[in-house]
């Protein structure tokens, strides 16, 4: 049964607006994790890298959504 539910909702995972929102939320999460670990350089930069990657993806998908409308 989960296979049919997944196939019906699969379009959601390919929607640039949805993907943009998802990555913006993930970037905010990693920004909070980065700041919470400001006293630990290894973790700080690890979370900073994740934040950067998710922000870049969010902007990429946001741009894709813009030209699709």
Protein backbone atom coordinates (compact mmCIF):
# COMPACT_ATOMS: atom_id res chain seq x y z
CA UNK A 1 0.00 0.00 0.00
CA UNK A 2 2.81 2.46 0.73
CA UNK A 3 4.10 1.98 -2.81
CA UNK A 4 0.86 3.30 -4.30
CA UNK A 5 0.82 6.24 -1.86
CA UNK A 6 4.41 7.10 -2.78
CA UNK A 7 3.71 6.91 -6.51
CA UNK A 8 0.69 9.23 -6.17
CA UNK A 9 2.70 11.80 -4.22
CA UNK A 10 5.90 11.46 -6.23
CA UNK A 11 5.24 14.71 -8.13
CA UNK A 12 5.65 16.57 -4.83
CA UNK A 13 9.30 15.54 -4.61
CA UNK A 14 10.07 16.97 -8.04
CA UNK A 15 8.32 20.32 -7.56
CA UNK A 16 10.96 23.09 -7.45
CA UNK A 17 8.90 25.18 -4.98
CA UNK A 18 8.69 22.27 -2.55
CA UNK A 19 12.36 21.44 -2.94
CA UNK A 20 13.30 25.08 -2.44
CA UNK A 21 11.32 25.25 0.81
CA UNK A 22 12.79 21.99 2.02
CA UNK A 23 16.36 23.17 1.48
CA UNK A 24 15.71 26.59 3.06
CA UNK A 25 14.42 24.82 6.19
CA UNK A 26 17.45 22.51 6.23
CA UNK A 27 19.78 25.52 5.84
CA UNK A 28 18.12 27.20 8.84
CA UNK A 29 18.54 24.00 10.86
CA UNK A 30 22.24 23.80 10.08
CA UNK A 31 22.68 27.50 10.82
CA UNK A 32 21.25 26.88 14.30
CA UNK A 33 23.50 23.85 14.75
CA UNK A 34 26.50 25.90 13.58
CA UNK A 35 25.81 28.65 16.10
CA UNK A 36 25.18 26.14 18.89
CA UNK A 37 28.66 24.76 18.26
CA UNK A 38 30.50 28.06 17.93
CA UNK A 39 32.98 26.89 20.58
CA UNK A 40 33.86 23.73 18.63
CA UNK A 41 35.63 24.64 15.37
CA UNK A 42 35.34 21.17 13.83
CA UNK A 43 31.56 21.01 14.29
CA UNK A 44 31.10 24.70 13.53
CA UNK A 45 32.65 24.35 10.08
CA UNK A 46 30.98 21.02 9.41
CA UNK A 47 27.56 22.60 10.02
CA UNK A 48 28.57 25.73 8.10
CA UNK A 49 29.32 23.56 5.08
CA UNK A 50 25.93 21.85 5.32
CA UNK A 51 24.20 25.21 5.69
CA UNK A 52 25.98 26.53 2.61
CA UNK A 53 25.06 23.49 0.49
CA UNK A 54 21.39 23.62 1.44
CA UNK A 55 21.21 27.39 0.84
CA UNK A 56 22.74 26.92 -2.60
CA UNK A 57 20.24 24.19 -3.47
CA UNK A 58 17.35 26.27 -2.14
CA UNK A 59 18.32 29.20 -4.36
CA UNK A 60 18.81 26.89 -7.33
CA UNK A 61 15.33 25.39 -6.96
CA UNK A 62 13.80 28.81 -6.29
CA UNK A 63 15.24 29.98 -9.61
CA UNK A 64 13.91 26.90 -11.38
CA UNK A 65 10.44 27.56 -9.96
CA UNK A 66 10.60 31.14 -11.21
CA UNK A 67 11.11 30.27 -14.85
CA UNK A 68 8.55 27.46 -14.75
CA UNK A 69 5.64 29.83 -14.03
